Amino acid sequence: MKSDLDKYKSWINTKITLDSHLVVEAEELGNDKVKAKIEFNDFLCWQCFDESASVQDKDEIIDSKGFISTISKSRYLDYANLAFGWYMDIKPPVKLYRIYSEDDIVEVITYQEPKVTIISESVNA
C-alpha cells in the first residue's frame, strides 16, 4: 500500500522536539532550503539513539521509505508490547516508524501515521 510518506525518501532528521506531541524537523538532502515537520500526535513511546551504536537486526521486517521507515517486526516493538501491553485493550493497533539522520535514529511507536508538513520550499522546486 502506497503511503504519503513515500515522497520523503531523500530527507534527513535535523531536530527533535517533545511537547504535547513529538515533532521531528527534517530537510531534503542537498537542499537545506526545503524543510519539513513530521508530527506524531498520538504515540505510545519513542526512543532516540546514536546511529553509530545501532546494530542491524536480521529479524526485523522493514518497509523502507528513505529516511522514514515502517517496521512491522522488531525487538523494540516486542518490548513495548510487553511493557505497555494494556494499550491493546483501549487503543487502535500501533505502528513503529523509524526516522534516520546522520547521527541519530528516532523510533516512534504510534497509533496513527505521522503528519508531514512542508515548512519552507526551495525556489527551484
PDB file of N, CA and C in Angstrom:
ATOM      1  N   MET A   1       0.848  -1.180   0.000  1.00  0.00           N
ATOM      2  CA  MET A   1       0.000   0.000   0.000  1.00  0.00           C
ATOM      3  C   MET A   1       0.892   1.241   0.000  1.00  0.00           C
ATOM      4  N   LYS A   2       0.699   2.126  -0.937  1.00  0.00           N
ATOM      5  CA  LYS A   2       1.473   3.358  -1.049  1.00  0.00           C
ATOM      6  C   LYS A   2       1.051   4.334   0.039  1.00  0.00           C
ATOM      7  N   SER A   3       2.020   5.001   0.603  1.00  0.00           N
ATOM      8  CA  SER A   3       1.791   5.937   1.695  1.00  0.00           C
ATOM      9  C   SER A   3       2.200   7.334   1.267  1.00  0.00           C
ATOM     10  N   ASP A   4       1.634   8.351   1.916  1.00  0.00           N
ATOM     11  CA  ASP A   4       2.057   9.725   1.685  1.00  0.00           C
ATOM     12  C   ASP A   4       3.526   9.927   2.051  1.00  0.00           C
ATOM     13  N   LEU A   5       4.062   9.054   2.901  1.00  0.00           N
ATOM     14  CA  LEU A   5       5.451   9.187   3.332  1.00  0.00           C
ATOM     15  C   LEU A   5       6.438   8.831   2.226  1.00  0.00           C
ATOM     16  N   ASP A   6       5.976   8.171   1.153  1.00  0.00           N
ATOM     17  CA  ASP A   6       6.857   7.753   0.071  1.00  0.00           C
ATOM     18  C   ASP A   6       7.597   8.930  -0.564  1.00  0.00           C
ATOM     19  N   LYS A   7       7.004  10.120  -0.588  1.00  0.00           N
ATOM     20  CA  LYS A   7       7.637  11.251  -1.258  1.00  0.00           C
ATOM     21  C   LYS A   7       8.775  11.871  -0.447  1.00  0.00           C
ATOM     22  N   TYR A   8       9.038  11.380   0.759  1.00  0.00           N
ATOM     23  CA  TYR A   8      10.095  11.943   1.602  1.00  0.00           C
ATOM     24  C   TYR A   8      11.283  11.001   1.724  1.00  0.00           C
ATOM     25  N   LYS A   9      11.661  10.341   0.624  1.00  0.00           N
ATOM     26  CA  LYS A   9      12.725   9.335   0.662  1.00  0.00           C
ATOM     27  C   LYS A   9      14.110   9.931   0.853  1.00  0.00           C
ATOM     28  N   SER A  10      14.335  11.149   0.414  1.00  0.00           N
ATOM     29  CA  SER A  10      15.689  11.709   0.461  1.00  0.00           C
ATOM     30  C   SER A  10      15.792  12.856   1.469  1.00  0.00           C
ATOM     31  N   TRP A  11      15.214  12.665   2.633  1.00  0.00           N
ATOM     32  CA  TRP A  11      15.226  13.698   3.662  1.00  0.00           C
ATOM     33  C   TRP A  11      16.067  13.236   4.837  1.00  0.00           C
ATOM     34  N   ILE A  12      16.420  14.175   5.724  1.00  0.00           N
ATOM     35  CA  ILE A  12      17.228  13.836   6.887  1.00  0.00           C
ATOM     36  C   ILE A  12      16.733  14.592   8.113  1.00  0.00           C
ATOM     37  N   ASN A  13      16.678  13.906   9.231  1.00  0.00           N
ATOM     38  CA  ASN A  13      16.230  14.465  10.505  1.00  0.00           C
ATOM     39  C   ASN A  13      17.219  15.525  10.977  1.00  0.00           C
ATOM     40  N   THR A  14      16.722  16.696  11.421  1.00  0.00           N
ATOM     41  CA  THR A  14      17.618  17.748  11.910  1.00  0.00           C
ATOM     42  C   THR A  14      17.322  18.191  13.336  1.00  0.00           C
ATOM     43  N   LYS A  15      16.112  17.944  13.851  1.00  0.00           N
ATOM     44  CA  LYS A  15      15.761  18.430  15.189  1.00  0.00           C
ATOM     45  C   LYS A  15      14.585  17.635  15.729  1.00  0.00           C
ATOM     46  N   ILE A  16      14.605  17.359  17.039  1.00  0.00           N
ATOM     47  CA  ILE A  16      13.516  16.624  17.688  1.00  0.00           C
ATOM     48  C   ILE A  16      12.981  17.491  18.821  1.00  0.00           C
ATOM     49  N   THR A  17      11.663  17.635  18.920  1.00  0.00           N
ATOM     50  CA  THR A  17      11.031  18.407  19.982  1.00  0.00           C
ATOM     51  C   THR A  17       9.913  17.572  20.587  1.00  0.00           C
ATOM     52  N   LEU A  18       9.848  17.526  21.910  1.00  0.00           N
ATOM     53  CA  LEU A  18       8.770  16.817  22.595  1.00  0.00           C
ATOM     54  C   LEU A  18       7.999  17.822  23.428  1.00  0.00           C
ATOM     55  N   ASP A  19       6.718  17.973  23.108  1.00  0.00           N
ATOM     56  CA  ASP A  19       5.831  18.858  23.867  1.00  0.00           C
ATOM     57  C   ASP A  19       4.604  18.010  24.159  1.00  0.00           C
ATOM     58  N   SER A  20       3.444  18.425  23.710  1.00  0.00           N
ATOM     59  CA  SER A  20       2.268  17.573  23.840  1.00  0.00           C
ATOM     60  C   SER A  20       2.260  16.514  22.743  1.00  0.00           C
ATOM     61  N   HIS A  21       3.168  16.667  21.794  1.00  0.00           N
ATOM     62  CA  HIS A  21       3.364  15.667  20.747  1.00  0.00           C
ATOM     63  C   HIS A  21       4.836  15.689  20.341  1.00  0.00           C
ATOM     64  N   LEU A  22       5.266  14.696  19.613  1.00  0.00           N
ATOM     65  CA  LEU A  22       6.652  14.584  19.165  1.00  0.00           C
ATOM     66  C   LEU A  22       6.774  15.211  17.785  1.00  0.00           C
ATOM     67  N   VAL A  23       7.758  16.101  17.608  1.00  0.00           N
ATOM     68  CA  VAL A  23       7.980  16.754  16.324  1.00  0.00           C
ATOM     69  C   VAL A  23       9.418  16.497  15.890  1.00  0.00           C
ATOM     70  N   VAL A  24       9.589  16.015  14.683  1.00  0.00           N
ATOM     71  CA  VAL A  24      10.914  15.817  14.095  1.00  0.00           C
ATOM     72  C   VAL A  24      11.004  16.756  12.902  1.00  0.00           C
ATOM     73  N   GLU A  25      12.003  17.630  12.890  1.00  0.00           N
ATOM     74  CA  GLU A  25      12.209  18.516  11.751  1.00  0.00           C
ATOM     75  C   GLU A  25      13.235  17.885  10.830  1.00  0.00           C
ATOM     76  N   ALA A  26      13.065  18.080   9.534  1.00  0.00           N
ATOM     77  CA  ALA A  26      13.934  17.450   8.551  1.00  0.00           C
ATOM     78  C   ALA A  26      14.164  18.396   7.390  1.00  0.00           C
ATOM     79  N   GLU A  27      15.199  18.102   6.628  1.00  0.00           N
ATOM     80  CA  GLU A  27      15.435  18.853   5.408  1.00  0.00           C
ATOM     81  C   GLU A  27      15.825  17.885   4.304  1.00  0.00           C
ATOM     82  N   GLU A  28      15.562  18.316   3.073  1.00  0.00           N
ATOM     83  CA  GLU A  28      15.887  17.480   1.927  1.00  0.00           C
ATOM     84  C   GLU A  28      17.398  17.426   1.766  1.00  0.00           C
ATOM     85  N   LEU A  29      17.950  16.247   1.541  1.00  0.00           N
ATOM     86  CA  LEU A  29      19.396  16.110   1.358  1.00  0.00           C
ATOM     87  C   LEU A  29      19.870  16.957   0.186  1.00  0.00           C
ATOM     88  N   GLY A  30      20.923  17.720   0.399  1.00  0.00           N
ATOM     89  CA  GLY A  30      21.473  18.553  -0.649  1.00  0.00           C
ATOM     90  C   GLY A  30      20.700  19.828  -0.915  1.00  0.00           C
ATOM     91  N   ASN A  31      19.650  20.084  -0.136  1.00  0.00           N
ATOM     92  CA  ASN A  31      18.839  21.282  -0.357  1.00  0.00           C
ATOM     93  C   ASN A  31      18.297  21.750   0.984  1.00  0.00           C
ATOM     94  N   ASP A  32      19.087  22.515   1.731  1.00  0.00           N
ATOM     95  CA  ASP A  32      18.677  22.918   3.068  1.00  0.00           C
ATOM     96  C   ASP A  32      17.587  23.975   3.093  1.00  0.00           C
ATOM     97  N   LYS A  33      17.118  24.403   1.906  1.00  0.00           N
ATOM     98  CA  LYS A  33      16.020  25.370   1.861  1.00  0.00           C
ATOM     99  C   LYS A  33      14.653  24.694   1.929  1.00  0.00           C
ATOM    100  N   VAL A  34      14.615  23.385   1.700  1.00  0.00           N
ATOM    101  CA  VAL A  34      13.359  22.643   1.777  1.00  0.00           C
ATOM    102  C   VAL A  34      13.332  21.937   3.124  1.00  0.00           C
ATOM    103  N   LYS A  35      12.403  22.344   3.981  1.00  0.00           N
ATOM    104  CA  LYS A  35      12.311  21.787   5.325  1.00  0.00           C
ATOM    105  C   LYS A  35      10.901  21.256   5.565  1.00  0.00           C
ATOM    106  N   ALA A  36      10.810  20.274   6.442  1.00  0.00           N
ATOM    107  CA  ALA A  36       9.518  19.680   6.766  1.00  0.00           C
ATOM    108  C   ALA A  36       9.446  19.432   8.260  1.00  0.00           C
ATOM    109  N   LYS A  37       8.235  19.326   8.744  1.00  0.00           N
ATOM    110  CA  LYS A  37       7.967  18.997  10.141  1.00  0.00           C
ATOM    111  C   LYS A  37       7.174  17.702  10.144  1.00  0.00           C
ATOM    112  N   ILE A  38       7.656  16.700  10.880  1.00  0.00           N
ATOM    113  CA  ILE A  38       6.973  15.412  10.993  1.00  0.00           C
ATOM    114  C   ILE A  38       6.403  15.335  12.401  1.00  0.00           C
ATOM    115  N   GLU A  39       5.081  15.280  12.525  1.00  0.00           N
ATOM    116  CA  GLU A  39       4.424  15.310  13.832  1.00  0.00           C
ATOM    117  C   GLU A  39       3.784  13.970  14.161  1.00  0.00           C
ATOM    118  N   PHE A  40       4.064  13.500  15.358  1.00  0.00           N
ATOM    119  CA  PHE A  40       3.414  12.312  15.909  1.00  0.00           C
ATOM    120  C   PHE A  40       2.527  12.795  17.046  1.00  0.00           C
ATOM    121  N   ASN A  41       1.220  12.858  16.813  1.00  0.00           N
ATOM    122  CA  ASN A  41       0.312  13.452  17.784  1.00  0.00           C
ATOM    123  C   ASN A  41      -0.220  12.474  18.820  1.00  0.00           C
ATOM    124  N   ASP A  42      -0.200  11.206  18.531  1.00  0.00           N
ATOM    125  CA  ASP A  42      -0.743  10.220  19.458  1.00  0.00           C
ATOM    126  C   ASP A  42       0.178   9.007  19.446  1.00  0.00           C
ATOM    127  N   PHE A  43       1.184   9.014  20.336  1.00  0.00           N
ATOM    128  CA  PHE A  43       2.164   7.939  20.322  1.00  0.00           C
ATOM    129  C   PHE A  43       2.203   7.220  21.663  1.00  0.00           C
ATOM    130  N   LEU A  44       2.613   5.974  21.631  1.00  0.00           N
ATOM    131  CA  LEU A  44       2.750   5.162  22.831  1.00  0.00           C
ATOM    132  C   LEU A  44       4.094   5.422  23.499  1.00  0.00           C
ATOM    133  N   CYS A  45       5.176   5.361  22.737  1.00  0.00           N
ATOM    134  CA  CYS A  45       6.511   5.609  23.274  1.00  0.00           C
ATOM    135  C   CYS A  45       7.455   5.897  22.117  1.00  0.00           C
ATOM    136  N   TRP A  46       8.639   6.400  22.457  1.00  0.00           N
ATOM    137  CA  TRP A  46       9.636   6.667  21.436  1.00  0.00           C
ATOM    138  C   TRP A  46      11.020   6.574  22.046  1.00  0.00           C
ATOM    139  N   GLN A  47      12.013   6.400  21.188  1.00  0.00           N
ATOM    140  CA  GLN A  47      13.401   6.375  21.634  1.00  0.00           C
ATOM    141  C   GLN A  47      14.271   7.032  20.576  1.00  0.00           C
ATOM    142  N   CYS A  48      15.377   7.583  21.033  1.00  0.00           N
ATOM    143  CA  CYS A  48      16.364   8.179  20.145  1.00  0.00           C
ATOM    144  C   CYS A  48      17.720   7.621  20.552  1.00  0.00           C
ATOM    145  N   PHE A  49      18.500   7.163  19.586  1.00  0.00           N
ATOM    146  CA  PHE A  49      19.807   6.606  19.918  1.00  0.00           C
ATOM    147  C   PHE A  49      20.819   6.971  18.844  1.00  0.00           C
ATOM    148  N   ASP A  50      22.078   6.877  19.216  1.00  0.00           N
ATOM    149  CA  ASP A  50      23.197   7.203  18.344  1.00  0.00           C
ATOM    150  C   ASP A  50      23.248   6.209  17.190  1.00  0.00           C
ATOM    151  N   GLU A  51      23.214   6.729  15.986  1.00  0.00           N
ATOM    152  CA  GLU A  51      23.191   5.885  14.796  1.00  0.00           C
ATOM    153  C   GLU A  51      24.405   4.967  14.739  1.00  0.00           C
ATOM    154  N   SER A  52      25.549   5.440  15.205  1.00  0.00           N
ATOM    155  CA  SER A  52      26.763   4.620  15.122  1.00  0.00           C
ATOM    156  C   SER A  52      26.742   3.443  16.102  1.00  0.00           C
ATOM    157  N   ALA A  53      25.851   3.475  17.090  1.00  0.00           N
ATOM    158  CA  ALA A  53      25.734   2.368  18.044  1.00  0.00           C
ATOM    159  C   ALA A  53      24.686   1.339  17.615  1.00  0.00           C
ATOM    160  N   SER A  54      24.039   1.597  16.508  1.00  0.00           N
ATOM    161  CA  SER A  54      22.962   0.738  16.029  1.00  0.00           C
ATOM    162  C   SER A  54      23.512  -0.548  15.422  1.00  0.00           C
ATOM    163  N   VAL A  55      22.847  -1.641  15.722  1.00  0.00           N
ATOM    164  CA  VAL A  55      23.190  -2.946  15.155  1.00  0.00           C
ATOM    165  C   VAL A  55      21.979  -3.432  14.368  1.00  0.00           C
ATOM    166  N   GLN A  56      22.201  -3.821  13.130  1.00  0.00           N
ATOM    167  CA  GLN A  56      21.090  -4.294  12.308  1.00  0.00           C
ATOM    168  C   GLN A  56      20.551  -5.610  12.852  1.00  0.00           C
ATOM    169  N   ASP A  57      19.239  -5.693  12.981  1.00  0.00           N
ATOM    170  CA  ASP A  57      18.570  -6.904  13.445  1.00  0.00           C
ATOM    171  C   ASP A  57      18.056  -7.656  12.219  1.00  0.00           C
ATOM    172  N   LYS A  58      18.618  -8.821  11.953  1.00  0.00           N
ATOM    173  CA  LYS A  58      18.249  -9.582  10.753  1.00  0.00           C
ATOM    174  C   LYS A  58      16.792 -10.043  10.765  1.00  0.00           C
ATOM    175  N   ASP A  59      16.154 -10.048  11.945  1.00  0.00           N
ATOM    176  CA  ASP A  59      14.766 -10.494  12.037  1.00  0.00           C
ATOM    177  C   ASP A  59      13.757  -9.368  11.852  1.00  0.00           C
ATOM    178  N   GLU A  60      14.238  -8.128  11.767  1.00  0.00           N
ATOM    179  CA  GLU A  60      13.309  -7.015  11.575  1.00  0.00           C
ATOM    180  C   GLU A  60      12.650  -7.091  10.210  1.00  0.00           C
ATOM    181  N   ILE A  61      11.393  -6.650  10.168  1.00  0.00           N
ATOM    182  CA  ILE A  61      10.675  -6.535   8.907  1.00  0.00           C
ATOM    183  C   ILE A  61      10.466  -5.044   8.678  1.00  0.00           C
ATOM    184  N   ILE A  62      11.147  -4.499   7.656  1.00  0.00           N
ATOM    185  CA  ILE A  62      11.177  -3.062   7.419  1.00  0.00           C
ATOM    186  C   ILE A  62      10.602  -2.743   6.052  1.00  0.00           C
ATOM    187  N   ASP A  63       9.706  -1.759   5.998  1.00  0.00           N
ATOM    188  CA  ASP A  63       9.211  -1.181   4.754  1.00  0.00           C
ATOM    189  C   ASP A  63       9.888   0.180   4.657  1.00  0.00           C
ATOM    190  N   SER A  64      10.984   0.243   3.924  1.00  0.00           N
ATOM    191  CA  SER A  64      11.801   1.453   3.895  1.00  0.00           C
ATOM    192  C   SER A  64      11.223   2.496   2.955  1.00  0.00           C
ATOM    193  N   LYS A  65      11.101   3.695   3.467  1.00  0.00           N
ATOM    194  CA  LYS A  65      10.637   4.834   2.687  1.00  0.00           C
ATOM    195  C   LYS A  65      11.713   5.918   2.768  1.00  0.00           C
ATOM    196  N   GLY A  66      12.972   5.539   2.560  1.00  0.00           N
ATOM    197  CA  GLY A  66      14.051   6.504   2.683  1.00  0.00           C
ATOM    198  C   GLY A  66      14.362   6.758   4.135  1.00  0.00           C
ATOM    199  N   PHE A  67      14.281   8.006   4.544  1.00  0.00           N
ATOM    200  CA  PHE A  67      14.642   8.297   5.929  1.00  0.00           C
ATOM    201  C   PHE A  67      13.521   7.989   6.911  1.00  0.00           C
ATOM    202  N   ILE A  68      12.315   7.708   6.425  1.00  0.00           N
ATOM    203  CA  ILE A  68      11.219   7.256   7.291  1.00  0.00           C
ATOM    204  C   ILE A  68      10.887   5.819   6.874  1.00  0.00           C
ATOM    205  N   SER A  69      10.979   4.901   7.821  1.00  0.00           N
ATOM    206  CA  SER A  69      10.640   3.502   7.546  1.00  0.00           C
ATOM    207  C   SER A  69       9.549   3.051   8.499  1.00  0.00           C
ATOM    208  N   THR A  70       8.747   2.103   8.037  1.00  0.00           N
ATOM    209  CA  THR A  70       7.750   1.462   8.883  1.00  0.00           C
ATOM    210  C   THR A  70       8.274   0.068   9.204  1.00  0.00           C
ATOM    211  N   ILE A  71       8.288  -0.275  10.486  1.00  0.00           N
ATOM    212  CA  ILE A  71       8.803  -1.575  10.914  1.00  0.00           C
ATOM    213  C   ILE A  71       7.651  -2.377  11.503  1.00  0.00           C
ATOM    214  N   SER A  72       7.405  -3.558  10.955  1.00  0.00           N
ATOM    215  CA  SER A  72       6.300  -4.381  11.458  1.00  0.00           C
ATOM    216  C   SER A  72       6.769  -5.446  12.442  1.00  0.00           C
ATOM    217  N   LYS A  73       8.087  -5.671  12.522  1.00  0.00           N
ATOM    218  CA  LYS A  73       8.623  -6.619  13.498  1.00  0.00           C
ATOM    219  C   LYS A  73       9.981  -6.122  13.968  1.00  0.00           C
ATOM    220  N   SER A  74      10.136  -5.952  15.289  1.00  0.00           N
ATOM    221  CA  SER A  74      11.426  -5.546  15.853  1.00  0.00           C
ATOM    222  C   SER A  74      11.438  -5.856  17.345  1.00  0.00           C
ATOM    223  N   ARG A  75      12.634  -5.855  17.908  1.00  0.00           N
ATOM    224  CA  ARG A  75      12.757  -6.084  19.353  1.00  0.00           C
ATOM    225  C   ARG A  75      12.172  -4.913  20.152  1.00  0.00           C
ATOM    226  N   TYR A  76      12.269  -3.703  19.617  1.00  0.00           N
ATOM    227  CA  TYR A  76      11.683  -2.546  20.311  1.00  0.00           C
ATOM    228  C   TYR A  76      10.162  -2.659  20.362  1.00  0.00           C
ATOM    229  N   LEU A  77       9.556  -3.087  19.277  1.00  0.00           N
ATOM    230  CA  LEU A  77       8.108  -3.295  19.248  1.00  0.00           C
ATOM    231  C   LEU A  77       7.709  -4.417  20.208  1.00  0.00           C
ATOM    232  N   ASP A  78       8.503  -5.482  20.262  1.00  0.00           N
ATOM    233  CA  ASP A  78       8.248  -6.564  21.227  1.00  0.00           C
ATOM    234  C   ASP A  78       8.317  -6.043  22.655  1.00  0.00           C
ATOM    235  N   TYR A  79       9.335  -5.229  22.939  1.00  0.00           N
ATOM    236  CA  TYR A  79       9.485  -4.630  24.272  1.00  0.00           C
ATOM    237  C   TYR A  79       8.261  -3.788  24.631  1.00  0.00           C
ATOM    238  N   ALA A  80       7.817  -2.943  23.730  1.00  0.00           N
ATOM    239  CA  ALA A  80       6.664  -2.068  24.006  1.00  0.00           C
ATOM    240  C   ALA A  80       5.407  -2.893  24.266  1.00  0.00           C
ATOM    241  N   ASN A  81       5.231  -3.959  23.510  1.00  0.00           N
ATOM    242  CA  ASN A  81       4.059  -4.808  23.728  1.00  0.00           C
ATOM    243  C   ASN A  81       4.093  -5.477  25.099  1.00  0.00           C
ATOM    244  N   LEU A  82       5.289  -5.830  25.579  1.00  0.00           N
ATOM    245  CA  LEU A  82       5.410  -6.416  26.916  1.00  0.00           C
ATOM    246  C   LEU A  82       5.269  -5.352  28.010  1.00  0.00           C
ATOM    247  N   ALA A  83       5.931  -4.235  27.838  1.00  0.00           N
ATOM    248  CA  ALA A  83       5.951  -3.200  28.871  1.00  0.00           C
ATOM    249  C   ALA A  83       4.652  -2.404  28.948  1.00  0.00           C
ATOM    250  N   PHE A  84       4.006  -2.183  27.815  1.00  0.00           N
ATOM    251  CA  PHE A  84       2.806  -1.342  27.757  1.00  0.00           C
ATOM    252  C   PHE A  84       1.635  -2.074  27.116  1.00  0.00           C
ATOM    253  N   GLY A  85       1.532  -3.363  27.310  1.00  0.00           N
ATOM    254  CA  GLY A  85       0.537  -4.189  26.640  1.00  0.00           C
ATOM    255  C   GLY A  85      -0.906  -3.791  26.852  1.00  0.00           C
ATOM    256  N   TRP A  86      -1.165  -3.042  27.912  1.00  0.00           N
ATOM    257  CA  TRP A  86      -2.543  -2.608  28.191  1.00  0.00           C
ATOM    258  C   TRP A  86      -3.135  -1.758  27.088  1.00  0.00           C
ATOM    259  N   TYR A  87      -2.276  -1.071  26.297  1.00  0.00           N
ATOM    260  CA  TYR A  87      -2.796  -0.190  25.247  1.00  0.00           C
ATOM    261  C   TYR A  87      -3.643  -0.968  24.247  1.00  0.00           C
ATOM    262  N   MET A  88      -3.343  -2.260  24.064  1.00  0.00           N
ATOM    263  CA  MET A  88      -4.065  -3.058  23.073  1.00  0.00           C
ATOM    264  C   MET A  88      -5.550  -3.175  23.392  1.00  0.00           C
ATOM    265  N   ASP A  89      -5.909  -3.015  24.678  1.00  0.00           N
ATOM    266  CA  ASP A  89      -7.308  -3.112  25.081  1.00  0.00           C
ATOM    267  C   ASP A  89      -8.069  -1.801  24.923  1.00  0.00           C
ATOM    268  N   ILE A  90      -7.350  -0.675  24.829  1.00  0.00           N
ATOM    269  CA  ILE A  90      -8.050   0.614  24.822  1.00  0.00           C
ATOM    270  C   ILE A  90      -7.732   1.503  23.625  1.00  0.00           C
ATOM    271  N   LYS A  91      -6.767   1.131  22.821  1.00  0.00           N
ATOM    272  CA  LYS A  91      -6.356   1.952  21.689  1.00  0.00           C
ATOM    273  C   LYS A  91      -6.309   1.100  20.417  1.00  0.00           C
ATOM    274  N   PRO A  92      -6.248   1.773  19.252  1.00  0.00           N
ATOM    275  CA  PRO A  92      -6.101   1.015  17.999  1.00  0.00           C
ATOM    276  C   PRO A  92      -4.704   0.402  17.897  1.00  0.00           C
ATOM    277  N   PRO A  93      -4.484  -0.491  16.935  1.00  0.00           N
ATOM    278  CA  PRO A  93      -3.153  -1.095  16.759  1.00  0.00           C
ATOM    279  C   PRO A  93      -2.093  -0.023  16.495  1.00  0.00           C
ATOM    280  N   VAL A  94      -0.862  -0.327  16.867  1.00  0.00           N
ATOM    281  CA  VAL A  94       0.233   0.623  16.694  1.00  0.00           C
ATOM    282  C   VAL A  94       1.080   0.273  15.474  1.00  0.00           C
ATOM    283  N   LYS A  95       1.863   1.262  15.039  1.00  0.00           N
ATOM    284  CA  LYS A  95       2.881   1.066  14.018  1.00  0.00           C
ATOM    285  C   LYS A  95       4.176   1.648  14.565  1.00  0.00           C
ATOM    286  N   LEU A  96       5.279   1.073  14.142  1.00  0.00           N
ATOM    287  CA  LEU A  96       6.591   1.579  14.520  1.00  0.00           C
ATOM    288  C   LEU A  96       7.210   2.279  13.312  1.00  0.00           C
ATOM    289  N   TYR A  97       7.560   3.562  13.497  1.00  0.00           N
ATOM    290  CA  TYR A  97       8.233   4.343  12.470  1.00  0.00           C
ATOM    291  C   TYR A  97       9.664   4.593  12.915  1.00  0.00           C
ATOM    292  N   ARG A  98      10.586   4.490  11.981  1.00  0.00           N
ATOM    293  CA  ARG A  98      11.997   4.786  12.247  1.00  0.00           C
ATOM    294  C   ARG A  98      12.406   5.936  11.328  1.00  0.00           C
ATOM    295  N   ILE A  99      13.029   6.959  11.932  1.00  0.00           N
ATOM    296  CA  ILE A  99      13.489   8.129  11.186  1.00  0.00           C
ATOM    297  C   ILE A  99      15.007   8.188  11.324  1.00  0.00           C
ATOM    298  N   TYR A 100      15.695   8.219  10.202  1.00  0.00           N
ATOM    299  CA  TYR A 100      17.149   8.205  10.176  1.00  0.00           C
ATOM    300  C   TYR A 100      17.714   9.612  10.032  1.00  0.00           C
ATOM    301  N   SER A 101      18.867   9.849  10.643  1.00  0.00           N
ATOM    302  CA  SER A 101      19.629  11.064  10.401  1.00  0.00           C
ATOM    303  C   SER A 101      21.092  10.688  10.303  1.00  0.00           C
ATOM    304  N   GLU A 102      21.951  11.678  10.101  1.00  0.00           N
ATOM    305  CA  GLU A 102      23.384  11.400  10.024  1.00  0.00           C
ATOM    306  C   GLU A 102      23.908  10.854  11.341  1.00  0.00           C
ATOM    307  N   ASP A 103      23.366  11.323  12.454  1.00  0.00           N
ATOM    308  CA  ASP A 103      23.901  10.971  13.764  1.00  0.00           C
ATOM    309  C   ASP A 103      22.956  10.164  14.647  1.00  0.00           C
ATOM    310  N   ASP A 104      21.667  10.287  14.450  1.00  0.00           N
ATOM    311  CA  ASP A 104      20.689   9.672  15.348  1.00  0.00           C
ATOM    312  C   ASP A 104      19.662   8.867  14.578  1.00  0.00           C
ATOM    313  N   ILE A 105      19.028   7.967  15.305  1.00  0.00           N
ATOM    314  CA  ILE A 105      17.862   7.243  14.806  1.00  0.00           C
ATOM    315  C   ILE A 105      16.754   7.437  15.825  1.00  0.00           C
ATOM    316  N   VAL A 106      15.583   7.837  15.365  1.00  0.00           N
ATOM    317  CA  VAL A 106      14.419   8.018  16.221  1.00  0.00           C
ATOM    318  C   VAL A 106      13.420   6.940  15.852  1.00  0.00           C
ATOM    319  N   GLU A 107      12.925   6.226  16.858  1.00  0.00           N
ATOM    320  CA  GLU A 107      11.870   5.239  16.635  1.00  0.00           C
ATOM    321  C   GLU A 107      10.652   5.665  17.435  1.00  0.00           C
ATOM    322  N   VAL A 108       9.499   5.676  16.779  1.00  0.00           N
ATOM    323  CA  VAL A 108       8.256   6.106  17.403  1.00  0.00           C
ATOM    324  C   VAL A 108       7.205   5.029  17.203  1.00  0.00           C
ATOM    325  N   ILE A 109       6.630   4.578  18.298  1.00  0.00           N
ATOM    326  CA  ILE A 109       5.508   3.636  18.238  1.00  0.00           C
ATOM    327  C   ILE A 109       4.256   4.462  18.424  1.00  0.00           C
ATOM    328  N   THR A 110       3.424   4.473  17.403  1.00  0.00           N
ATOM    329  CA  THR A 110       2.295   5.403  17.363  1.00  0.00           C
ATOM    330  C   THR A 110       1.026   4.723  16.859  1.00  0.00           C
ATOM    331  N   TYR A 111      -0.090   5.361  17.137  1.00  0.00           N
ATOM    332  CA  TYR A 111      -1.403   4.838  16.749  1.00  0.00           C
ATOM    333  C   TYR A 111      -1.828   5.322  15.370  1.00  0.00           C
ATOM    334  N   GLN A 112      -1.148   6.330  14.829  1.00  0.00           N
ATOM    335  CA  GLN A 112      -1.535   6.873  13.538  1.00  0.00           C
ATOM    336  C   GLN A 112      -0.306   7.317  12.755  1.00  0.00           C
ATOM    337  N   GLU A 113      -0.455   7.375  11.427  1.00  0.00           N
ATOM    338  CA  GLU A 113       0.642   7.813  10.569  1.00  0.00           C
ATOM    339  C   GLU A 113       1.010   9.252  10.923  1.00  0.00           C
ATOM    340  N   PRO A 114       2.294   9.588  10.882  1.00  0.00           N
ATOM    341  CA  PRO A 114       2.688  10.958  11.207  1.00  0.00           C
ATOM    342  C   PRO A 114       2.175  11.950  10.170  1.00  0.00           C
ATOM    343  N   LYS A 115       2.005  13.180  10.621  1.00  0.00           N
ATOM    344  CA  LYS A 115       1.592  14.268   9.736  1.00  0.00           C
ATOM    345  C   LYS A 115       2.862  14.981   9.275  1.00  0.00           C
ATOM    346  N   VAL A 116       3.059  15.066   7.953  1.00  0.00           N
ATOM    347  CA  VAL A 116       4.228  15.731   7.397  1.00  0.00           C
ATOM    348  C   VAL A 116       3.779  17.049   6.789  1.00  0.00           C
ATOM    349  N   THR A 117       4.414  18.150   7.234  1.00  0.00           N
ATOM    350  CA  THR A 117       4.085  19.487   6.748  1.00  0.00           C
ATOM    351  C   THR A 117       5.347  20.131   6.199  1.00  0.00           C
ATOM    352  N   ILE A 118       5.295  20.620   4.952  1.00  0.00           N
ATOM    353  CA  ILE A 118       6.409  21.374   4.396  1.00  0.00           C
ATOM    354  C   ILE A 118       6.374  22.759   5.036  1.00  0.00           C
ATOM    355  N   ILE A 119       7.497  23.168   5.678  1.00  0.00           N
ATOM    356  CA  ILE A 119       7.510  24.473   6.346  1.00  0.00           C
ATOM    357  C   ILE A 119       8.309  25.506   5.562  1.00  0.00           C
ATOM    358  N   SER A 120       9.051  25.096   4.560  1.00  0.00           N
ATOM    359  CA  SER A 120       9.676  26.036   3.613  1.00  0.00           C
ATOM    360  C   SER A 120       9.980  25.279   2.338  1.00  0.00           C
ATOM    361  N   GLU A 121       9.876  25.969   1.233  1.00  0.00           N
ATOM    362  CA  GLU A 121      10.066  25.347  -0.077  1.00  0.00           C
ATOM    363  C   GLU A 121      11.282  25.944  -0.767  1.00  0.00           C
ATOM    364  N   SER A 122      11.925  25.162  -1.587  1.00  0.00           N
ATOM    365  CA  SER A 122      13.036  25.643  -2.393  1.00  0.00           C
ATOM    366  C   SER A 122      12.505  26.490  -3.543  1.00  0.00           C
ATOM    367  N   VAL A 123      13.257  27.511  -3.922  1.00  0.00           N
ATOM    368  CA  VAL A 123      12.875  28.347  -5.054  1.00  0.00           C
ATOM    369  C   VAL A 123      12.907  27.535  -6.341  1.00  0.00           C
ATOM    370  N   ASN A 124      13.805  26.547  -6.403  1.00  0.00           N
ATOM    371  CA  ASN A 124      13.946  25.731  -7.615  1.00  0.00           C
ATOM    372  C   ASN A 124      13.018  24.534  -7.658  1.00  0.00           C
ATOM    373  N   ALA A 125      12.212  24.309  -6.612  1.00  0.00           N
ATOM    374  CA  ALA A 125      11.371  23.106  -6.559  1.00  0.00           C
ATOM    375  C   ALA A 125      10.195  23.201  -7.499  1.00  0.00           C
TER     376      ALA A 125
END
